[in-house]
Amino acid sequence: MDNPLLSVRNLTLDIPVGGGTLHAVRGIDFDLKRGETLCIVGESGSGKSLTSLALMGLLGKTIKRSADEMTFDGIDLTRANARTMRSLRGARMAMIFQEPMTSLNPAYTIGDQLTEALLLHKPVGKEAARARAIELLEKVGITAAASRLSQYPHQLSGGLRQRVMIAMALMCEPELIIADEPTTALDVTIQAQILRLLYDLGREMNMAMILITHDLGVVARVADKVAVMYAGELVETGSATEVFNTPSHPYTRGLLRCIPLPGKTERGSTLGTIPGIVPSLIGDVTGCAFRTRCPHATLECRGDIPRHTSGGHAFRCIHADGKLHAEEATT
């Protein structure tokens, strides 16, 4: 059996705030092998982006990160110094940020920003780096790619900037791509094309990918594994087939009720909703964080929540028979 490229055990992120400590990420575990795509889904504010920044070593100085294990190809990321992380970022680990307007440097041309990582990490010349930049810009659907290299970010639309970010992440053919809502700035006609490109490149280069999104339609198309995140913790994990066909956590079933199903959801019918709001994670957090919004909540939900595992499918809930309610996801 192949060893995981990325292993995370009990990752916790705490942020000091005015009212105490915000427990933004709470004890999450997952593994990712080469060539696999893991989709992390959940509402805004659930800790998805912070998890990705923790892996890349890009957290703010005030955020406290702890983990029992966080390794990339045998490298302990919890102990890696700044020099080690700089050698990994861009070369072996790359990230596509959600907001290209603030991720691209307005003072440098697109060409300079695309070729920088390749010139830094690989023994290539400027002409080879420029050729690689043009090749990738064309792959992500940018026309007249050579002329774009001399332009600045403000001269491009939001969608073009997003595609530049994707090309930039792929410059050094990294082993791991973390894509944080990579199609946010793209119109729907381009989204599927970009996702297919990332998926195909992942297979071609045996590249692992973590895709962060709240779009379950996207997840269904590209995911090998799915991790459902709520209030800082992973409430359900498993293969895409298991999570979509036999959702076991009430939150997962609630998310699936919110999306239309081809051939089943009638035009004009009302989609499902999840009532309530995400609870505060400041101070002590006990029990199931979803209990205030869950139709199956009982007094037992205030205590310790067991983790049920069947093969590679796991979920946290006091209801061990969560699968009995799976039909709710498709009604």
Protein backbone atom coordinates (compact mmCIF):
# COMPACT_ATOMS: atom_id res chain seq x y z
CA MET A 1 0.00 0.00 0.00
CA ASP A 2 1.33 3.43 -0.93
CA ASN A 3 2.15 5.75 1.93
CA PRO A 4 0.05 8.95 2.02
CA LEU A 5 1.65 12.02 0.51
CA LEU A 6 -0.02 14.14 3.19
CA SER A 7 -1.05 13.00 6.67
CA VAL A 8 -2.82 15.19 9.22
CA ARG A 9 -3.74 14.11 12.74
CA ASN A 10 -5.50 16.24 15.36
CA LEU A 11 -4.87 19.59 13.67
CA THR A 12 -6.08 22.40 15.92
CA LEU A 13 -6.06 26.15 15.32
CA ASP A 14 -6.78 28.61 18.14
CA ILE A 15 -7.09 32.37 17.67
CA PRO A 16 -7.00 34.80 20.62
CA VAL A 17 -9.87 37.30 20.38
CA GLY A 18 -11.38 39.91 22.64
CA GLY A 19 -13.82 37.54 24.32
CA GLY A 20 -11.37 34.67 24.81
CA THR A 21 -10.04 32.04 22.40
CA LEU A 22 -11.68 31.20 19.10
CA HIS A 23 -11.32 27.47 18.40
CA ALA A 24 -11.39 27.83 14.62
CA VAL A 25 -10.24 24.29 13.73
CA ARG A 26 -10.74 21.44 16.16
CA GLY A 27 -8.87 18.17 15.87
CA ILE A 28 -9.20 17.23 12.22
CA ASP A 29 -7.63 14.12 10.65
CA PHE A 30 -7.17 13.06 7.02
CA ASP A 31 -4.77 11.37 4.61
CA LEU A 32 -4.17 12.12 0.95
CA LYS A 33 -2.32 9.93 -1.53
CA ARG A 34 -0.64 10.95 -4.78
CA GLY A 35 -3.16 11.39 -7.56
CA GLU A 36 -6.14 11.68 -5.20
CA THR A 37 -8.56 14.59 -4.96
CA LEU A 38 -9.96 15.47 -1.54
CA CYS A 39 -12.86 17.93 -1.45
CA ILE A 40 -13.48 19.79 1.81
CA VAL A 41 -17.02 21.15 1.88
CA GLY A 42 -19.00 23.22 4.35
CA GLU A 43 -20.50 26.61 5.05
CA SER A 44 -18.48 29.81 5.07
CA GLY A 45 -16.65 30.19 8.37
CA SER A 46 -16.32 26.46 9.03
CA GLY A 47 -12.49 26.57 8.94
CA LYS A 48 -11.81 25.25 5.43
CA SER A 49 -9.49 28.05 4.28
CA LEU A 50 -7.68 28.22 7.62
CA THR A 51 -6.94 24.51 7.33
CA SER A 52 -5.32 25.06 3.94
CA LEU A 53 -3.28 28.01 5.19
CA ALA A 54 -2.08 25.89 8.12
CA LEU A 55 -0.79 23.24 5.72
CA MET A 56 1.07 25.88 3.68
CA GLY A 57 2.53 27.58 6.76
CA LEU A 58 0.82 30.88 5.93
CA LEU A 59 -1.05 31.54 9.17
CA GLY A 60 -0.89 34.84 11.00
CA LYS A 61 1.53 35.08 13.91
CA THR A 62 -1.26 35.25 16.50
CA ILE A 63 -2.83 31.93 15.43
CA LYS A 64 -1.72 28.96 17.50
CA ARG A 65 -1.31 25.78 15.43
CA SER A 66 -0.90 22.35 16.98
CA ALA A 67 -1.06 18.82 15.56
CA ASP A 68 -0.08 15.32 16.61
CA GLU A 69 1.09 14.77 13.04
CA MET A 70 1.26 16.89 9.90
CA THR A 71 3.65 15.41 7.38
CA PHE A 72 4.21 15.96 3.66
CA ASP A 73 6.15 13.14 1.95
CA GLY A 74 7.83 12.37 5.27
CA ILE A 75 8.62 16.03 6.09
CA ASP A 76 7.26 17.13 9.47
CA LEU A 77 5.47 20.41 8.69
CA THR A 78 4.94 21.18 12.38
CA ARG A 79 8.71 21.43 12.89
CA ALA A 80 9.73 22.76 9.47
CA ASN A 81 11.56 26.09 9.65
CA ALA A 82 10.92 29.05 7.36
CA ARG A 83 13.65 28.00 4.92
CA THR A 84 12.19 24.51 4.53
CA MET A 85 8.70 25.87 3.96
CA ARG A 86 9.99 28.30 1.32
CA SER A 87 11.63 25.40 -0.51
CA LEU A 88 8.31 23.49 -0.50
CA ARG A 89 5.90 26.30 -1.35
CA GLY A 90 5.61 26.83 -5.07
CA ALA A 91 7.86 23.88 -5.89
CA ARG A 92 6.20 20.83 -4.30
CA MET A 93 3.15 22.40 -2.65
CA ALA A 94 1.14 25.13 -4.34
CA MET A 95 -2.05 27.01 -3.53
CA ILE A 96 -4.69 28.64 -5.68
CA PHE A 97 -6.14 31.43 -3.58
CA GLN A 98 -9.80 32.36 -3.60
CA GLU A 99 -9.41 36.07 -4.33
CA PRO A 100 -7.01 36.83 -7.22
CA MET A 101 -7.41 40.60 -6.81
CA THR A 102 -5.52 40.52 -3.51
CA SER A 103 -3.28 37.52 -4.32
CA LEU A 104 -1.51 38.99 -7.36
CA ASN A 105 1.00 41.77 -6.80
CA PRO A 106 -0.22 44.93 -8.58
CA ALA A 107 3.35 46.23 -8.95
CA TYR A 108 4.66 43.35 -11.10
CA THR A 109 3.66 42.10 -14.53
CA ILE A 110 1.88 38.79 -15.02
CA GLY A 111 5.00 37.38 -16.68
CA ASP A 112 7.26 38.28 -13.75
CA GLN A 113 4.87 36.71 -11.26
CA LEU A 114 4.41 33.54 -13.30
CA THR A 115 8.11 32.88 -13.90
CA GLU A 116 9.34 33.81 -10.42
CA ALA A 117 8.69 30.43 -8.77
CA LEU A 118 10.08 28.44 -11.70
CA LEU A 119 13.30 30.48 -11.80
CA LEU A 120 13.63 30.15 -8.02
CA HIS A 121 13.04 26.41 -7.72
CA LYS A 122 14.13 24.91 -11.05
CA PRO A 123 17.41 25.12 -13.04
CA VAL A 124 15.88 26.86 -16.06
CA GLY A 125 16.59 30.08 -17.90
CA LYS A 126 14.32 33.03 -18.49
CA GLU A 127 13.33 31.95 -21.99
CA ALA A 128 12.34 28.47 -20.83
CA ALA A 129 10.38 29.98 -17.94
CA ARG A 130 8.61 32.35 -20.31
CA ALA A 131 7.72 29.48 -22.65
CA ARG A 132 6.33 27.49 -19.72
CA ALA A 133 4.24 30.49 -18.63
CA ILE A 134 2.77 30.90 -22.11
CA GLU A 135 2.02 27.16 -22.31
CA LEU A 136 0.10 27.17 -19.03
CA LEU A 137 -1.80 30.37 -19.80
CA GLU A 138 -3.02 28.74 -22.98
CA LYS A 139 -3.96 25.56 -21.08
CA VAL A 140 -6.18 27.50 -18.68
CA GLY A 141 -7.98 29.16 -21.57
CA ILE A 142 -6.29 32.56 -21.90
CA THR A 143 -6.05 33.77 -25.50
CA ALA A 144 -3.07 35.78 -26.82
CA ALA A 145 -1.09 34.36 -23.91
CA ALA A 146 2.28 35.83 -24.95
CA SER A 147 0.92 39.37 -24.92
CA ARG A 148 -0.54 38.87 -21.43
CA LEU A 149 2.90 38.44 -19.88
CA SER A 150 3.61 42.18 -20.12
CA GLN A 151 0.30 43.18 -18.58
CA TYR A 152 -0.40 44.04 -14.94
CA PRO A 153 -3.17 42.46 -12.83
CA HIS A 154 -5.40 45.54 -13.02
CA GLN A 155 -5.49 45.18 -16.82
CA LEU A 156 -7.18 41.76 -16.57
CA SER A 157 -10.74 40.83 -15.64
CA GLY A 158 -11.48 38.88 -12.47
CA GLY A 159 -11.86 35.66 -14.43
CA LEU A 160 -8.54 36.12 -16.21
CA ARG A 161 -6.79 36.88 -12.94
CA GLN A 162 -8.21 33.67 -11.48
CA ARG A 163 -6.87 31.67 -14.41
CA VAL A 164 -3.46 33.34 -13.99
CA MET A 165 -3.48 32.15 -10.37
CA ILE A 166 -4.17 28.59 -11.51
CA ALA A 167 -1.36 28.75 -14.08
CA MET A 168 0.99 30.15 -11.45
CA ALA A 169 0.28 27.27 -9.08
CA LEU A 170 1.08 24.74 -11.83
CA MET A 171 4.36 26.31 -13.00
CA CYS A 172 6.65 23.89 -11.11
CA GLU A 173 4.40 20.82 -11.49
CA PRO A 174 3.82 20.49 -7.72
CA GLU A 175 2.97 17.21 -6.02
CA LEU A 176 0.14 18.85 -4.06
CA ILE A 177 -2.27 21.57 -5.15
CA ILE A 178 -4.56 23.27 -2.65
CA ALA A 179 -7.37 25.01 -4.51
CA ASP A 180 -9.47 27.38 -2.38
CA GLU A 181 -12.65 28.04 -4.38
CA PRO A 182 -10.65 28.16 -7.65
CA THR A 183 -13.66 28.94 -9.84
CA THR A 184 -15.19 31.71 -7.72
CA ALA A 185 -14.45 34.48 -10.23
CA LEU A 186 -15.32 32.45 -13.31
CA ASP A 187 -18.64 32.30 -15.13
CA VAL A 188 -20.43 28.97 -15.27
CA THR A 189 -19.38 28.26 -18.86
CA ILE A 190 -15.70 28.26 -17.82
CA GLN A 191 -15.97 26.59 -14.39
CA ALA A 192 -16.36 23.04 -15.71
CA GLN A 193 -13.44 23.56 -18.13
CA ILE A 194 -11.08 24.73 -15.36
CA LEU A 195 -12.12 21.95 -12.98
CA ARG A 196 -11.62 19.36 -15.71
CA LEU A 197 -8.17 20.86 -16.42
CA LEU A 198 -7.15 20.57 -12.76
CA TYR A 199 -8.52 17.04 -12.58
CA ASP A 200 -6.77 15.94 -15.78
CA LEU A 201 -3.46 17.52 -14.75
CA GLY A 202 -3.74 15.78 -11.41
CA ARG A 203 -4.07 12.43 -13.14
CA GLU A 204 -1.39 13.23 -15.73
CA MET A 205 1.21 14.32 -13.15
CA ASN A 206 0.00 12.01 -10.34
CA MET A 207 -0.68 15.21 -8.40
CA ALA A 208 -2.74 15.25 -5.21
CA MET A 209 -5.33 18.01 -4.85
CA ILE A 210 -7.30 19.49 -1.97
CA LEU A 211 -10.30 21.33 -3.35
CA ILE A 212 -12.11 23.65 -0.94
CA THR A 213 -15.65 24.50 -1.96
CA HIS A 214 -19.26 24.74 -0.87
CA ASP A 215 -20.53 23.62 -4.27
CA LEU A 216 -21.58 19.98 -3.99
CA GLY A 217 -22.10 19.82 -7.75
CA VAL A 218 -18.37 20.48 -8.17
CA VAL A 219 -17.56 17.85 -5.56
CA ALA A 220 -19.62 15.19 -7.33
CA ARG A 221 -17.65 15.72 -10.55
CA VAL A 222 -14.07 15.60 -9.31
CA ALA A 223 -13.76 14.17 -5.78
CA ASP A 224 -12.20 10.86 -4.80
CA LYS A 225 -12.67 11.66 -1.11
CA VAL A 226 -15.01 14.08 0.63
CA ALA A 227 -14.57 15.73 4.04
CA VAL A 228 -17.61 17.59 5.38
CA MET A 229 -16.57 20.38 7.76
CA TYR A 230 -18.79 22.14 10.27
CA ALA A 231 -17.82 24.58 13.04
CA GLY A 232 -14.13 23.73 12.81
CA GLU A 233 -14.32 19.94 12.74
CA LEU A 234 -14.80 17.18 10.20
CA VAL A 235 -18.21 15.69 10.87
CA GLU A 236 -18.13 13.15 8.03
CA THR A 237 -15.44 11.74 5.76
CA GLY A 238 -15.36 9.05 3.13
CA SER A 239 -15.25 8.33 -0.56
CA ALA A 240 -17.41 10.53 -2.76
CA THR A 241 -19.65 7.54 -3.51
CA GLU A 242 -20.22 6.78 0.17
CA VAL A 243 -20.86 10.36 1.24
CA PHE A 244 -23.28 11.08 -1.61
CA ASN A 245 -25.10 7.74 -1.60
CA THR A 246 -25.19 7.02 2.14
CA PRO A 247 -24.78 10.35 3.98
CA SER A 248 -24.72 9.62 7.70
CA HIS A 249 -24.35 12.92 9.54
CA PRO A 250 -27.45 15.17 9.77
CA TYR A 251 -25.42 18.14 8.51
CA THR A 252 -24.32 16.25 5.39
CA ARG A 253 -27.93 15.25 4.71
CA GLY A 254 -28.99 18.86 5.21
CA LEU A 255 -26.45 20.08 2.66
CA LEU A 256 -27.59 17.53 0.11
CA ARG A 257 -31.23 18.54 0.57
CA CYS A 258 -30.24 22.08 -0.45
CA ILE A 259 -29.22 21.14 -3.99
CA PRO A 260 -31.53 20.18 -6.88
CA LEU A 261 -31.29 16.64 -8.22
CA PRO A 262 -31.48 16.15 -12.01
CA GLY A 263 -34.60 14.21 -12.88
CA LYS A 264 -35.98 14.29 -9.33
CA THR A 265 -36.35 17.93 -8.29
CA GLU A 266 -39.34 19.51 -9.99
CA ARG A 267 -38.95 22.96 -11.52
CA GLY A 268 -40.29 25.61 -9.14
CA SER A 269 -40.26 23.33 -6.10
CA THR A 270 -38.77 24.47 -2.79
CA LEU A 271 -35.27 23.28 -1.96
CA GLY A 272 -34.27 22.21 1.53
CA THR A 273 -32.76 24.57 4.07
CA ILE A 274 -30.75 24.26 7.27
CA PRO A 275 -32.35 26.45 9.96
CA GLY A 276 -30.37 28.47 12.49
CA ILE A 277 -26.79 29.76 12.44
CA VAL A 278 -23.33 28.36 13.12
CA PRO A 279 -22.62 28.57 16.88
CA SER A 280 -19.86 30.67 18.40
CA LEU A 281 -16.58 28.82 18.81
CA ILE A 282 -15.22 31.24 21.40
CA GLY A 283 -14.55 29.72 24.81
CA ASP A 284 -15.40 26.16 25.78
CA VAL A 285 -16.97 24.13 22.98
CA THR A 286 -18.64 20.91 24.11
CA GLY A 287 -20.86 18.32 22.54
CA CYS A 288 -22.08 18.39 18.95
CA ALA A 289 -21.83 21.89 17.47
CA PHE A 290 -24.69 21.08 15.09
CA ARG A 291 -27.19 20.18 17.82
CA THR A 292 -28.93 23.58 17.83
CA ARG A 293 -29.84 23.11 14.16
CA CYS A 294 -30.35 19.35 14.05
CA PRO A 295 -33.85 17.78 13.85
CA HIS A 296 -32.54 14.66 15.62
CA ALA A 297 -30.86 16.44 18.58
CA THR A 298 -31.30 15.04 22.10
CA LEU A 299 -29.82 15.86 25.50
CA GLU A 300 -27.08 13.33 24.80
CA CYS A 301 -25.76 15.64 22.04
CA ARG A 302 -24.34 17.91 24.77
CA GLY A 303 -21.84 15.24 25.83
CA ASP A 304 -19.01 13.40 24.12
CA ILE A 305 -19.76 12.58 20.50
CA PRO A 306 -18.58 9.15 19.30
CA ARG A 307 -16.91 8.58 15.96
CA HIS A 308 -18.42 5.77 13.91
CA THR A 309 -16.25 4.13 11.26
CA SER A 310 -17.11 1.62 8.57
CA GLY A 311 -14.20 0.99 6.23
CA GLY A 312 -13.10 4.40 4.97
CA HIS A 313 -16.43 6.07 5.85
CA ALA A 314 -16.60 7.87 9.21
CA PHE A 315 -18.95 10.31 10.92
CA ARG A 316 -19.40 11.91 14.34
CA CYS A 317 -22.89 11.57 15.80
CA ILE A 318 -24.60 9.94 18.79
CA HIS A 319 -26.94 8.23 16.34
CA ALA A 320 -25.01 5.17 15.21
CA ASP A 321 -27.90 4.38 12.88
CA GLY A 322 -27.37 7.62 10.96
CA LYS A 323 -27.51 5.70 7.69
CA LEU A 324 -31.15 4.88 8.37
CA HIS A 325 -31.95 8.51 7.63
CA ALA A 326 -29.95 8.62 4.40
CA GLU A 327 -33.10 8.80 2.33
CA GLU A 328 -33.64 12.34 3.71
CA ALA A 329 -30.85 13.52 1.42
CA THR A 330 -32.83 12.71 -1.67
CA THR A 331 -36.35 13.72 -0.63
